[in-house]
N, C-alpha and C. Protein backbone atom coordinates (compact mmCIF):
# COMPACT_ATOMS: atom_id res chain seq x y z
N MET A 1 12.31 2.88 -8.86
CA MET A 1 11.34 1.86 -9.27
C MET A 1 9.94 2.32 -8.94
N LEU A 2 9.01 1.96 -9.77
CA LEU A 2 7.61 2.34 -9.57
C LEU A 2 6.80 1.14 -9.13
N PHE A 3 6.19 1.26 -7.96
CA PHE A 3 5.38 0.20 -7.37
C PHE A 3 3.98 0.71 -7.09
N ASP A 4 2.99 -0.06 -7.48
CA ASP A 4 1.64 0.15 -6.97
C ASP A 4 1.54 -0.69 -5.71
N ILE A 5 1.56 -0.05 -4.55
CA ILE A 5 1.67 -0.81 -3.29
C ILE A 5 0.31 -1.13 -2.67
N HIS A 6 -0.79 -0.89 -3.39
CA HIS A 6 -2.12 -1.12 -2.81
C HIS A 6 -3.03 -1.70 -3.90
N VAL A 7 -3.07 -3.03 -3.97
CA VAL A 7 -3.82 -3.72 -5.02
C VAL A 7 -4.59 -4.90 -4.41
N HIS A 8 -5.85 -5.03 -4.78
CA HIS A 8 -6.69 -6.13 -4.31
C HIS A 8 -6.98 -7.11 -5.44
N THR A 9 -6.94 -8.39 -5.13
CA THR A 9 -7.30 -9.43 -6.10
C THR A 9 -8.66 -10.00 -5.74
N THR A 10 -9.06 -11.02 -6.48
CA THR A 10 -10.34 -11.68 -6.21
C THR A 10 -10.35 -12.42 -4.88
N LEU A 11 -9.22 -12.47 -4.18
CA LEU A 11 -9.23 -12.99 -2.81
C LEU A 11 -9.91 -12.01 -1.86
N SER A 12 -10.07 -10.77 -2.28
CA SER A 12 -10.93 -9.81 -1.58
C SER A 12 -12.31 -9.88 -2.21
N ALA A 13 -13.33 -10.09 -1.41
CA ALA A 13 -14.68 -10.30 -1.95
C ALA A 13 -15.16 -9.12 -2.79
N CYS A 14 -14.63 -7.93 -2.53
CA CYS A 14 -15.08 -6.73 -3.23
C CYS A 14 -14.33 -6.48 -4.53
N SER A 15 -13.36 -7.34 -4.88
CA SER A 15 -12.51 -7.10 -6.05
C SER A 15 -12.80 -8.10 -7.16
N CYS A 16 -12.72 -7.62 -8.41
CA CYS A 16 -12.85 -8.50 -9.57
C CYS A 16 -11.54 -8.59 -10.36
N LEU A 17 -10.45 -8.09 -9.79
CA LEU A 17 -9.15 -8.06 -10.45
C LEU A 17 -8.41 -9.37 -10.18
N THR A 18 -8.04 -10.09 -11.24
CA THR A 18 -7.38 -11.38 -11.06
C THR A 18 -5.86 -11.22 -11.04
N LEU A 19 -5.20 -12.21 -10.47
CA LEU A 19 -3.74 -12.22 -10.48
C LEU A 19 -3.20 -12.20 -11.90
N ASN A 20 -3.80 -12.97 -12.78
CA ASN A 20 -3.33 -13.01 -14.17
C ASN A 20 -3.44 -11.64 -14.82
N GLU A 21 -4.52 -10.92 -14.55
CA GLU A 21 -4.66 -9.57 -15.12
C GLU A 21 -3.55 -8.65 -14.62
N ILE A 22 -3.21 -8.78 -13.34
CA ILE A 22 -2.13 -7.96 -12.79
C ILE A 22 -0.80 -8.30 -13.45
N LEU A 23 -0.50 -9.59 -13.53
CA LEU A 23 0.77 -10.02 -14.11
C LEU A 23 0.90 -9.61 -15.57
N GLU A 24 -0.20 -9.67 -16.30
CA GLU A 24 -0.16 -9.39 -17.73
C GLU A 24 -0.15 -7.91 -18.06
N ASN A 25 -0.64 -7.06 -17.16
CA ASN A 25 -0.86 -5.66 -17.52
C ASN A 25 -0.02 -4.65 -16.74
N ALA A 26 0.53 -5.02 -15.59
CA ALA A 26 1.23 -4.03 -14.76
C ALA A 26 2.41 -3.41 -15.50
N GLY A 27 3.20 -4.22 -16.18
CA GLY A 27 4.35 -3.70 -16.91
C GLY A 27 3.95 -2.74 -18.01
N ARG A 28 2.89 -3.08 -18.71
CA ARG A 28 2.38 -2.21 -19.78
C ARG A 28 1.98 -0.84 -19.24
N LEU A 29 1.57 -0.80 -17.99
CA LEU A 29 1.15 0.45 -17.36
C LEU A 29 2.32 1.25 -16.79
N GLY A 30 3.54 0.74 -16.94
CA GLY A 30 4.72 1.46 -16.47
C GLY A 30 5.19 1.06 -15.09
N LEU A 31 4.61 0.01 -14.51
CA LEU A 31 4.97 -0.42 -13.17
C LEU A 31 6.09 -1.46 -13.22
N GLN A 32 7.00 -1.37 -12.25
CA GLN A 32 8.00 -2.42 -12.07
C GLN A 32 7.62 -3.39 -10.96
N GLY A 33 6.64 -3.00 -10.15
CA GLY A 33 6.23 -3.87 -9.06
C GLY A 33 4.83 -3.56 -8.58
N VAL A 34 4.22 -4.55 -7.93
CA VAL A 34 2.91 -4.37 -7.29
C VAL A 34 2.94 -5.09 -5.95
N CYS A 35 2.15 -4.58 -5.03
CA CYS A 35 1.95 -5.23 -3.74
C CYS A 35 0.51 -5.69 -3.65
N ILE A 36 0.31 -6.97 -3.40
CA ILE A 36 -1.03 -7.53 -3.23
C ILE A 36 -1.43 -7.34 -1.78
N THR A 37 -2.49 -6.59 -1.55
CA THR A 37 -2.90 -6.21 -0.19
C THR A 37 -4.38 -6.53 0.00
N ASP A 38 -4.72 -7.81 -0.05
CA ASP A 38 -6.12 -8.19 0.10
C ASP A 38 -6.59 -7.95 1.53
N HIS A 39 -7.90 -7.84 1.68
CA HIS A 39 -8.48 -7.53 2.98
C HIS A 39 -8.31 -8.69 3.95
N GLN A 40 -7.60 -8.44 5.04
CA GLN A 40 -7.49 -9.36 6.18
C GLN A 40 -6.84 -10.70 5.83
N THR A 41 -6.15 -10.82 4.71
CA THR A 41 -5.56 -12.11 4.35
C THR A 41 -4.31 -11.94 3.50
N MET A 42 -3.41 -12.91 3.66
CA MET A 42 -2.26 -13.04 2.76
C MET A 42 -2.32 -14.38 2.03
N ALA A 43 -3.53 -14.84 1.76
CA ALA A 43 -3.72 -16.13 1.10
C ALA A 43 -3.11 -16.17 -0.29
N VAL A 44 -2.79 -15.02 -0.86
CA VAL A 44 -2.16 -14.98 -2.18
C VAL A 44 -0.86 -15.78 -2.20
N ARG A 45 -0.22 -15.93 -1.05
CA ARG A 45 1.05 -16.66 -1.01
C ARG A 45 0.89 -18.12 -1.41
N ARG A 46 -0.36 -18.64 -1.37
CA ARG A 46 -0.60 -20.02 -1.79
C ARG A 46 -0.86 -20.12 -3.29
N ARG A 47 -0.91 -18.98 -3.98
CA ARG A 47 -1.22 -18.98 -5.41
C ARG A 47 -0.07 -18.50 -6.29
N LEU A 48 0.92 -17.85 -5.67
CA LEU A 48 1.99 -17.25 -6.47
C LEU A 48 3.26 -17.21 -5.63
N ARG A 49 4.39 -17.40 -6.27
CA ARG A 49 5.68 -17.23 -5.60
C ARG A 49 5.98 -15.74 -5.48
N GLU A 50 6.27 -15.31 -4.27
CA GLU A 50 6.57 -13.89 -4.05
C GLU A 50 7.93 -13.54 -4.62
N GLY A 51 8.04 -12.34 -5.17
CA GLY A 51 9.31 -11.86 -5.69
C GLY A 51 9.23 -11.51 -7.15
N VAL A 52 10.37 -11.50 -7.81
CA VAL A 52 10.42 -11.12 -9.23
C VAL A 52 9.90 -12.28 -10.07
N GLN A 53 8.93 -11.98 -10.91
CA GLN A 53 8.28 -12.98 -11.76
C GLN A 53 9.07 -13.18 -13.05
N PRO A 54 8.77 -14.23 -13.81
CA PRO A 54 9.49 -14.47 -15.07
C PRO A 54 9.46 -13.29 -16.05
N ASN A 55 8.39 -12.48 -15.99
CA ASN A 55 8.30 -11.33 -16.89
C ASN A 55 8.99 -10.09 -16.34
N GLY A 56 9.65 -10.21 -15.18
CA GLY A 56 10.39 -9.10 -14.59
C GLY A 56 9.62 -8.29 -13.57
N LEU A 57 8.30 -8.49 -13.47
CA LEU A 57 7.49 -7.76 -12.49
C LEU A 57 7.76 -8.30 -11.09
N CYS A 58 7.99 -7.41 -10.15
CA CYS A 58 8.17 -7.81 -8.75
C CYS A 58 6.82 -7.77 -8.05
N VAL A 59 6.39 -8.90 -7.52
CA VAL A 59 5.10 -9.00 -6.83
C VAL A 59 5.37 -9.34 -5.37
N LEU A 60 4.95 -8.45 -4.48
CA LEU A 60 5.16 -8.62 -3.05
C LEU A 60 3.83 -8.71 -2.33
N PHE A 61 3.85 -9.33 -1.15
CA PHE A 61 2.61 -9.62 -0.44
C PHE A 61 2.50 -8.80 0.84
N GLY A 62 1.32 -8.27 1.07
CA GLY A 62 0.96 -7.63 2.32
C GLY A 62 -0.51 -7.91 2.57
N MET A 63 -1.13 -7.07 3.37
CA MET A 63 -2.58 -7.17 3.54
C MET A 63 -3.12 -5.82 3.97
N GLU A 64 -4.42 -5.62 3.77
CA GLU A 64 -5.10 -4.45 4.32
C GLU A 64 -5.90 -4.92 5.53
N TYR A 65 -5.58 -4.34 6.68
CA TYR A 65 -6.21 -4.74 7.94
C TYR A 65 -7.09 -3.61 8.43
N SER A 66 -8.34 -3.92 8.73
CA SER A 66 -9.30 -2.91 9.17
C SER A 66 -9.40 -2.89 10.69
N THR A 67 -9.35 -1.70 11.25
CA THR A 67 -9.55 -1.50 12.69
C THR A 67 -10.64 -0.45 12.88
N PRO A 68 -11.19 -0.32 14.07
CA PRO A 68 -12.17 0.74 14.31
C PRO A 68 -11.60 2.14 14.12
N GLN A 69 -10.27 2.26 14.16
CA GLN A 69 -9.63 3.58 14.03
C GLN A 69 -9.09 3.85 12.63
N GLY A 70 -9.33 2.95 11.69
CA GLY A 70 -8.86 3.16 10.33
C GLY A 70 -8.30 1.89 9.72
N ASP A 71 -7.99 1.94 8.44
CA ASP A 71 -7.47 0.79 7.70
C ASP A 71 -5.97 0.96 7.46
N PHE A 72 -5.25 -0.16 7.46
CA PHE A 72 -3.79 -0.12 7.36
C PHE A 72 -3.29 -1.18 6.38
N LEU A 73 -2.35 -0.79 5.53
CA LEU A 73 -1.61 -1.75 4.72
C LEU A 73 -0.44 -2.23 5.57
N LEU A 74 -0.28 -3.53 5.67
CA LEU A 74 0.76 -4.12 6.50
C LEU A 74 1.74 -4.90 5.64
N PHE A 75 3.02 -4.69 5.89
CA PHE A 75 4.07 -5.43 5.20
C PHE A 75 5.02 -5.98 6.25
N GLY A 76 5.17 -7.29 6.26
CA GLY A 76 5.99 -7.96 7.26
C GLY A 76 5.48 -9.36 7.48
N PRO A 77 5.90 -10.03 8.56
CA PRO A 77 5.45 -11.40 8.85
C PRO A 77 4.10 -11.41 9.55
N HIS A 78 3.07 -11.00 8.83
CA HIS A 78 1.77 -10.79 9.46
C HIS A 78 0.71 -11.75 8.92
N ASP A 79 1.11 -13.00 8.68
CA ASP A 79 0.20 -13.95 8.04
C ASP A 79 -0.99 -14.33 8.93
N ASN A 80 -0.79 -14.36 10.24
CA ASN A 80 -1.81 -14.93 11.13
C ASN A 80 -2.22 -13.96 12.23
N LEU A 81 -2.50 -12.74 11.86
CA LEU A 81 -2.94 -11.76 12.85
C LEU A 81 -4.34 -12.09 13.33
N PRO A 82 -4.61 -11.93 14.62
CA PRO A 82 -5.98 -12.13 15.10
C PRO A 82 -6.89 -11.03 14.60
N ALA A 83 -8.16 -11.35 14.47
CA ALA A 83 -9.14 -10.35 14.06
C ALA A 83 -9.49 -9.45 15.24
N GLY A 84 -10.00 -8.26 14.91
CA GLY A 84 -10.56 -7.39 15.93
C GLY A 84 -9.58 -6.55 16.70
N LEU A 85 -8.35 -6.40 16.21
CA LEU A 85 -7.38 -5.56 16.91
C LEU A 85 -7.72 -4.08 16.76
N SER A 86 -7.41 -3.32 17.78
CA SER A 86 -7.47 -1.86 17.65
C SER A 86 -6.25 -1.39 16.88
N ALA A 87 -6.28 -0.15 16.43
CA ALA A 87 -5.13 0.38 15.70
C ALA A 87 -3.89 0.41 16.58
N GLY A 88 -4.05 0.77 17.85
CA GLY A 88 -2.90 0.80 18.75
C GLY A 88 -2.30 -0.58 18.94
N GLU A 89 -3.15 -1.59 19.13
CA GLU A 89 -2.66 -2.97 19.27
C GLU A 89 -1.95 -3.42 18.00
N LEU A 90 -2.52 -3.06 16.86
CA LEU A 90 -1.92 -3.43 15.58
C LEU A 90 -0.56 -2.77 15.41
N MET A 91 -0.44 -1.49 15.73
CA MET A 91 0.83 -0.79 15.59
C MET A 91 1.91 -1.43 16.48
N ARG A 92 1.53 -1.84 17.69
CA ARG A 92 2.50 -2.48 18.58
C ARG A 92 2.99 -3.81 18.00
N LEU A 93 2.07 -4.60 17.44
CA LEU A 93 2.46 -5.88 16.84
C LEU A 93 3.38 -5.66 15.63
N VAL A 94 3.05 -4.67 14.82
CA VAL A 94 3.88 -4.37 13.65
C VAL A 94 5.28 -3.95 14.09
N ARG A 95 5.35 -3.12 15.10
CA ARG A 95 6.65 -2.66 15.59
C ARG A 95 7.47 -3.83 16.13
N GLN A 96 6.82 -4.72 16.90
CA GLN A 96 7.52 -5.86 17.49
C GLN A 96 8.04 -6.82 16.42
N SER A 97 7.35 -6.90 15.29
CA SER A 97 7.74 -7.83 14.23
C SER A 97 8.65 -7.18 13.19
N ALA A 98 9.05 -5.93 13.42
CA ALA A 98 9.92 -5.19 12.49
C ALA A 98 9.28 -5.05 11.12
N GLY A 99 7.96 -4.94 11.11
CA GLY A 99 7.24 -4.68 9.86
C GLY A 99 6.98 -3.20 9.68
N VAL A 100 6.07 -2.90 8.77
CA VAL A 100 5.72 -1.51 8.51
C VAL A 100 4.22 -1.41 8.27
N ALA A 101 3.63 -0.32 8.73
CA ALA A 101 2.20 -0.07 8.55
C ALA A 101 2.00 1.23 7.79
N VAL A 102 1.07 1.20 6.86
CA VAL A 102 0.70 2.38 6.07
C VAL A 102 -0.76 2.69 6.36
N ALA A 103 -1.05 3.91 6.78
CA ALA A 103 -2.44 4.33 6.97
C ALA A 103 -3.07 4.52 5.59
N ALA A 104 -3.99 3.62 5.24
CA ALA A 104 -4.60 3.63 3.91
C ALA A 104 -5.75 4.63 3.85
N HIS A 105 -5.81 5.36 2.74
CA HIS A 105 -6.88 6.37 2.52
C HIS A 105 -7.33 7.01 3.84
N PRO A 106 -6.43 7.70 4.55
CA PRO A 106 -6.72 8.13 5.91
C PRO A 106 -7.78 9.21 6.04
N CYS A 107 -8.11 9.88 4.97
CA CYS A 107 -9.12 10.95 5.05
C CYS A 107 -10.35 10.64 4.21
N ARG A 108 -10.53 9.38 3.85
CA ARG A 108 -11.75 8.99 3.15
C ARG A 108 -12.92 9.13 4.11
N LEU A 109 -13.97 9.78 3.66
CA LEU A 109 -15.08 10.09 4.56
C LEU A 109 -15.69 8.85 5.17
N SER A 110 -15.72 7.75 4.41
CA SER A 110 -16.37 6.54 4.91
C SER A 110 -15.46 5.72 5.83
N ARG A 111 -14.13 5.90 5.74
CA ARG A 111 -13.19 5.10 6.55
C ARG A 111 -12.02 5.97 6.99
N PRO A 112 -12.26 7.02 7.78
CA PRO A 112 -11.15 7.92 8.14
C PRO A 112 -10.25 7.33 9.22
N LEU A 113 -9.01 7.79 9.23
CA LEU A 113 -8.09 7.46 10.30
C LEU A 113 -8.44 8.31 11.52
N ASP A 114 -8.49 7.68 12.69
CA ASP A 114 -8.70 8.41 13.93
C ASP A 114 -7.42 9.17 14.25
N GLU A 115 -7.48 10.48 14.15
CA GLU A 115 -6.27 11.30 14.31
C GLU A 115 -5.68 11.21 15.71
N ARG A 116 -6.46 10.76 16.67
CA ARG A 116 -5.93 10.60 18.02
C ARG A 116 -4.79 9.58 18.06
N LEU A 117 -4.79 8.65 17.10
CA LEU A 117 -3.71 7.67 17.02
C LEU A 117 -2.37 8.38 16.79
N LEU A 118 -2.37 9.38 15.92
CA LEU A 118 -1.14 10.13 15.63
C LEU A 118 -0.73 10.99 16.83
N ARG A 119 -1.71 11.57 17.49
CA ARG A 119 -1.41 12.41 18.64
C ARG A 119 -0.87 11.60 19.81
N SER A 120 -1.16 10.29 19.83
CA SER A 120 -0.68 9.44 20.93
C SER A 120 0.71 8.88 20.67
N GLY A 121 1.31 9.24 19.54
CA GLY A 121 2.71 8.88 19.31
C GLY A 121 2.96 7.84 18.25
N TYR A 122 1.92 7.22 17.71
CA TYR A 122 2.12 6.26 16.63
C TYR A 122 2.33 7.01 15.32
N ARG A 123 3.26 6.50 14.51
CA ARG A 123 3.65 7.22 13.30
C ARG A 123 3.64 6.28 12.08
N PRO A 124 2.47 5.91 11.62
CA PRO A 124 2.42 5.11 10.39
C PRO A 124 2.81 5.95 9.19
N ILE A 125 3.19 5.28 8.13
CA ILE A 125 3.36 5.95 6.85
C ILE A 125 1.97 6.34 6.35
N ILE A 126 1.86 7.46 5.67
CA ILE A 126 0.56 7.96 5.22
C ILE A 126 0.42 7.79 3.71
N GLU A 127 -0.66 7.14 3.30
CA GLU A 127 -0.98 7.03 1.88
C GLU A 127 -1.67 8.33 1.45
N THR A 128 -0.93 9.20 0.79
CA THR A 128 -1.47 10.51 0.42
C THR A 128 -2.08 10.53 -0.98
N LEU A 129 -1.81 9.50 -1.77
CA LEU A 129 -2.47 9.35 -3.07
C LEU A 129 -3.10 7.97 -3.13
N ASN A 130 -4.42 7.94 -3.20
CA ASN A 130 -5.17 6.68 -3.28
C ASN A 130 -6.13 6.77 -4.45
N GLY A 131 -6.10 5.75 -5.31
CA GLY A 131 -6.86 5.81 -6.55
C GLY A 131 -8.36 5.79 -6.39
N ARG A 132 -8.85 5.41 -5.23
CA ARG A 132 -10.30 5.37 -5.01
C ARG A 132 -10.78 6.52 -4.12
N SER A 133 -9.87 7.34 -3.67
CA SER A 133 -10.25 8.52 -2.90
C SER A 133 -10.45 9.70 -3.84
N THR A 134 -11.21 10.68 -3.39
CA THR A 134 -11.40 11.89 -4.18
C THR A 134 -10.16 12.77 -4.09
N ALA A 135 -10.06 13.74 -4.99
CA ALA A 135 -8.94 14.68 -4.94
C ALA A 135 -8.91 15.42 -3.61
N ALA A 136 -10.08 15.77 -3.10
CA ALA A 136 -10.15 16.47 -1.81
C ALA A 136 -9.68 15.57 -0.68
N GLU A 137 -10.04 14.30 -0.72
CA GLU A 137 -9.61 13.37 0.33
C GLU A 137 -8.10 13.14 0.27
N ASN A 138 -7.54 13.06 -0.93
CA ASN A 138 -6.09 12.91 -1.05
C ASN A 138 -5.37 14.17 -0.58
N ALA A 139 -5.91 15.34 -0.90
CA ALA A 139 -5.31 16.59 -0.43
C ALA A 139 -5.35 16.67 1.10
N ALA A 140 -6.45 16.21 1.68
CA ALA A 140 -6.57 16.21 3.14
C ALA A 140 -5.56 15.24 3.76
N ALA A 141 -5.29 14.12 3.09
CA ALA A 141 -4.30 13.17 3.59
C ALA A 141 -2.90 13.79 3.59
N ALA A 142 -2.57 14.52 2.53
CA ALA A 142 -1.28 15.20 2.48
C ALA A 142 -1.17 16.25 3.59
N ASP A 143 -2.26 16.96 3.83
CA ASP A 143 -2.28 17.96 4.90
C ASP A 143 -2.13 17.29 6.26
N LEU A 144 -2.80 16.15 6.45
CA LEU A 144 -2.68 15.40 7.70
C LEU A 144 -1.23 15.02 7.97
N ALA A 145 -0.57 14.49 6.95
CA ALA A 145 0.83 14.10 7.10
C ALA A 145 1.70 15.31 7.46
N ALA A 146 1.47 16.43 6.79
CA ALA A 146 2.27 17.63 7.04
C ALA A 146 2.05 18.16 8.45
N ARG A 147 0.81 18.17 8.90
CA ARG A 147 0.50 18.70 10.23
C ARG A 147 1.16 17.89 11.34
N HIS A 148 1.34 16.60 11.10
CA HIS A 148 1.92 15.74 12.13
C HIS A 148 3.39 15.44 11.88
N GLY A 149 3.99 16.13 10.90
CA GLY A 149 5.41 15.93 10.63
C GLY A 149 5.75 14.56 10.11
N LEU A 150 4.80 13.93 9.42
CA LEU A 150 5.01 12.60 8.86
C LEU A 150 5.51 12.76 7.43
N THR A 151 6.80 12.72 7.27
CA THR A 151 7.39 13.04 5.97
C THR A 151 7.43 11.84 5.02
N THR A 152 7.22 10.63 5.54
CA THR A 152 7.22 9.45 4.68
C THR A 152 5.80 9.17 4.21
N THR A 153 5.57 9.35 2.93
CA THR A 153 4.25 9.15 2.35
C THR A 153 4.36 8.23 1.14
N CYS A 154 3.22 7.77 0.65
CA CYS A 154 3.24 6.83 -0.47
C CYS A 154 1.94 6.94 -1.24
N GLY A 155 1.89 6.24 -2.37
CA GLY A 155 0.69 6.23 -3.21
C GLY A 155 0.39 4.84 -3.71
N GLY A 156 -0.89 4.56 -3.90
CA GLY A 156 -1.33 3.27 -4.44
C GLY A 156 -2.68 3.40 -5.09
N SER A 157 -2.97 2.49 -6.00
CA SER A 157 -4.23 2.60 -6.75
C SER A 157 -5.43 2.16 -5.95
N ASP A 158 -5.23 1.24 -4.97
CA ASP A 158 -6.37 0.61 -4.29
C ASP A 158 -7.24 -0.10 -5.32
N ALA A 159 -6.59 -0.68 -6.33
CA ALA A 159 -7.33 -1.26 -7.46
C ALA A 159 -8.16 -2.45 -7.03
N HIS A 160 -9.41 -2.45 -7.51
CA HIS A 160 -10.31 -3.59 -7.37
C HIS A 160 -10.75 -4.09 -8.75
N ALA A 161 -10.30 -3.41 -9.80
CA ALA A 161 -10.62 -3.77 -11.19
C ALA A 161 -9.45 -3.34 -12.06
N LEU A 162 -9.33 -3.97 -13.23
CA LEU A 162 -8.17 -3.74 -14.08
C LEU A 162 -8.01 -2.27 -14.46
N GLN A 163 -9.11 -1.58 -14.74
CA GLN A 163 -9.01 -0.19 -15.18
C GLN A 163 -8.51 0.73 -14.07
N GLU A 164 -8.46 0.25 -12.83
CA GLU A 164 -7.96 1.06 -11.72
C GLU A 164 -6.48 0.82 -11.44
N LEU A 165 -5.92 -0.26 -11.94
CA LEU A 165 -4.54 -0.64 -11.63
C LEU A 165 -3.56 0.46 -12.09
N GLY A 166 -2.65 0.83 -11.20
CA GLY A 166 -1.61 1.79 -11.56
C GLY A 166 -2.05 3.23 -11.61
N ARG A 167 -3.22 3.55 -11.11
CA ARG A 167 -3.69 4.95 -11.16
C ARG A 167 -2.75 5.85 -10.37
N PHE A 168 -2.33 5.39 -9.19
CA PHE A 168 -1.29 6.05 -8.41
C PHE A 168 -0.26 5.00 -8.02
N ALA A 169 0.94 5.45 -7.70
CA ALA A 169 2.01 4.52 -7.35
C ALA A 169 2.99 5.21 -6.41
N THR A 170 4.00 4.45 -6.00
CA THR A 170 5.10 4.98 -5.20
C THR A 170 6.40 4.78 -5.97
N ARG A 171 7.15 5.86 -6.12
CA ARG A 171 8.46 5.77 -6.77
C ARG A 171 9.52 5.60 -5.68
N PHE A 172 10.29 4.52 -5.78
CA PHE A 172 11.35 4.26 -4.82
C PHE A 172 12.71 4.59 -5.43
N SER A 173 13.56 5.21 -4.62
CA SER A 173 14.91 5.54 -5.08
C SER A 173 15.88 4.39 -4.89
N ALA A 174 15.42 3.32 -4.23
CA ALA A 174 16.24 2.13 -4.02
C ALA A 174 15.61 0.95 -4.75
N PRO A 175 16.41 -0.01 -5.20
CA PRO A 175 15.85 -1.19 -5.86
C PRO A 175 15.04 -2.04 -4.88
N ILE A 176 13.91 -2.55 -5.34
CA ILE A 176 13.04 -3.39 -4.52
C ILE A 176 12.94 -4.75 -5.18
N ARG A 177 13.42 -5.79 -4.50
CA ARG A 177 13.36 -7.14 -5.03
C ARG A 177 12.71 -8.12 -4.06
N SER A 178 12.41 -7.66 -2.85
CA SER A 178 11.85 -8.55 -1.83
C SER A 178 11.02 -7.73 -0.86
N ARG A 179 10.27 -8.45 -0.02
CA ARG A 179 9.47 -7.76 0.99
C ARG A 179 10.37 -7.01 1.97
N SER A 180 11.50 -7.59 2.32
CA SER A 180 12.41 -6.89 3.23
C SER A 180 12.97 -5.63 2.59
N ASP A 181 13.23 -5.66 1.29
CA ASP A 181 13.65 -4.44 0.58
C ASP A 181 12.57 -3.37 0.68
N LEU A 182 11.32 -3.77 0.49
CA LEU A 182 10.21 -2.83 0.55
C LEU A 182 10.10 -2.21 1.94
N ILE A 183 10.17 -3.04 2.96
CA ILE A 183 10.06 -2.54 4.33
C ILE A 183 11.18 -1.55 4.63
N GLN A 184 12.40 -1.88 4.25
CA GLN A 184 13.52 -0.98 4.50
C GLN A 184 13.36 0.34 3.74
N ALA A 185 12.87 0.26 2.51
CA ALA A 185 12.69 1.48 1.72
C ALA A 185 11.61 2.37 2.32
N LEU A 186 10.51 1.77 2.75
CA LEU A 186 9.44 2.56 3.36
C LEU A 186 9.90 3.15 4.69
N GLN A 187 10.54 2.35 5.51
CA GLN A 187 11.03 2.85 6.80
C GLN A 187 12.09 3.93 6.62
N GLY A 188 12.86 3.83 5.55
CA GLY A 188 13.92 4.80 5.31
C GLY A 188 13.49 6.02 4.53
N GLY A 189 12.19 6.13 4.24
CA GLY A 189 11.70 7.30 3.52
C GLY A 189 12.19 7.40 2.09
N LYS A 190 12.39 6.25 1.44
CA LYS A 190 12.94 6.25 0.09
C LYS A 190 11.86 6.18 -0.99
N GLY A 191 10.61 6.39 -0.61
CA GLY A 191 9.53 6.39 -1.60
C GLY A 191 8.78 7.71 -1.60
N ARG A 192 8.17 8.02 -2.73
CA ARG A 192 7.29 9.19 -2.78
C ARG A 192 6.12 8.87 -3.71
N PRO A 193 4.95 9.42 -3.40
CA PRO A 193 3.76 9.12 -4.20
C PRO A 193 3.81 9.83 -5.54
N VAL A 194 3.32 9.15 -6.58
CA VAL A 194 3.26 9.74 -7.92
C VAL A 194 1.93 9.40 -8.56
N ALA A 195 1.48 10.31 -9.43
CA ALA A 195 0.28 10.09 -10.23
C ALA A 195 0.69 9.47 -11.55
N MET A 196 0.29 8.24 -11.80
CA MET A 196 0.74 7.54 -12.99
C MET A 196 0.05 8.02 -14.25
N SER A 197 -0.96 8.84 -14.13
CA SER A 197 -1.60 9.41 -15.32
C SER A 197 -0.66 10.35 -16.05
N ASP A 198 0.37 10.82 -15.33
CA ASP A 198 1.42 11.64 -15.94
C ASP A 198 2.46 10.68 -16.52
N THR A 199 2.47 10.49 -17.83
CA THR A 199 3.33 9.48 -18.43
C THR A 199 4.80 9.80 -18.26
N SER A 200 5.14 11.07 -18.07
CA SER A 200 6.55 11.40 -17.85
C SER A 200 7.01 10.81 -16.53
N LEU A 201 6.12 10.77 -15.53
CA LEU A 201 6.46 10.14 -14.27
C LEU A 201 6.52 8.63 -14.43
N ALA A 202 5.58 8.08 -15.17
CA ALA A 202 5.52 6.64 -15.32
C ALA A 202 6.74 6.09 -16.03
N LEU A 203 7.31 6.85 -16.96
CA LEU A 203 8.39 6.33 -17.78
C LEU A 203 9.77 6.74 -17.29
N ALA A 204 9.83 7.75 -16.42
CA ALA A 204 11.14 8.25 -15.97
C ALA A 204 11.64 7.40 -14.81
N VAL A 205 12.23 6.26 -15.13
CA VAL A 205 12.72 5.36 -14.09
C VAL A 205 14.24 5.29 -14.13
């Protein structure tokens, strides 16, 4: 299954992408699922029922949480996280709640991941393909994952507008129908990043 696991809606102040645009266009772009990851909030749960929609698209909820040591996509029961956590504090909370954390755009020059976090033993999943990062930044993210032996990687568009949706995605070898399915697949290394501009990848499901 192909999921864009990093998508922002108008619930993020920096995004102009609406839920309706996502629902109407994701399938046309070759996606079977999307994850809504608005900044610091899961308020989308008050606007849409999570799971498989009437048109067959699976829509799951997470959030993008910013720390001084980098930004993270969180999937799990993280509706009411306090603001201002460090990356280490955030990783401990995610672990305690049996959720999963993805280091988002870890080598973006403006918002890099503090590599000391990895050296101290924390092992987030690494987003090695991000639609708003440069090719060099994505290559550096792949190198970062390889250097630290982080074999579980993923891709997402980081879409803030319709034309960005589905630029990169994650192909899962297991069916995803719920947030718990997503967490298990990510934790089990059953996803890999793909460039959706390659239509053979987009259609080979």
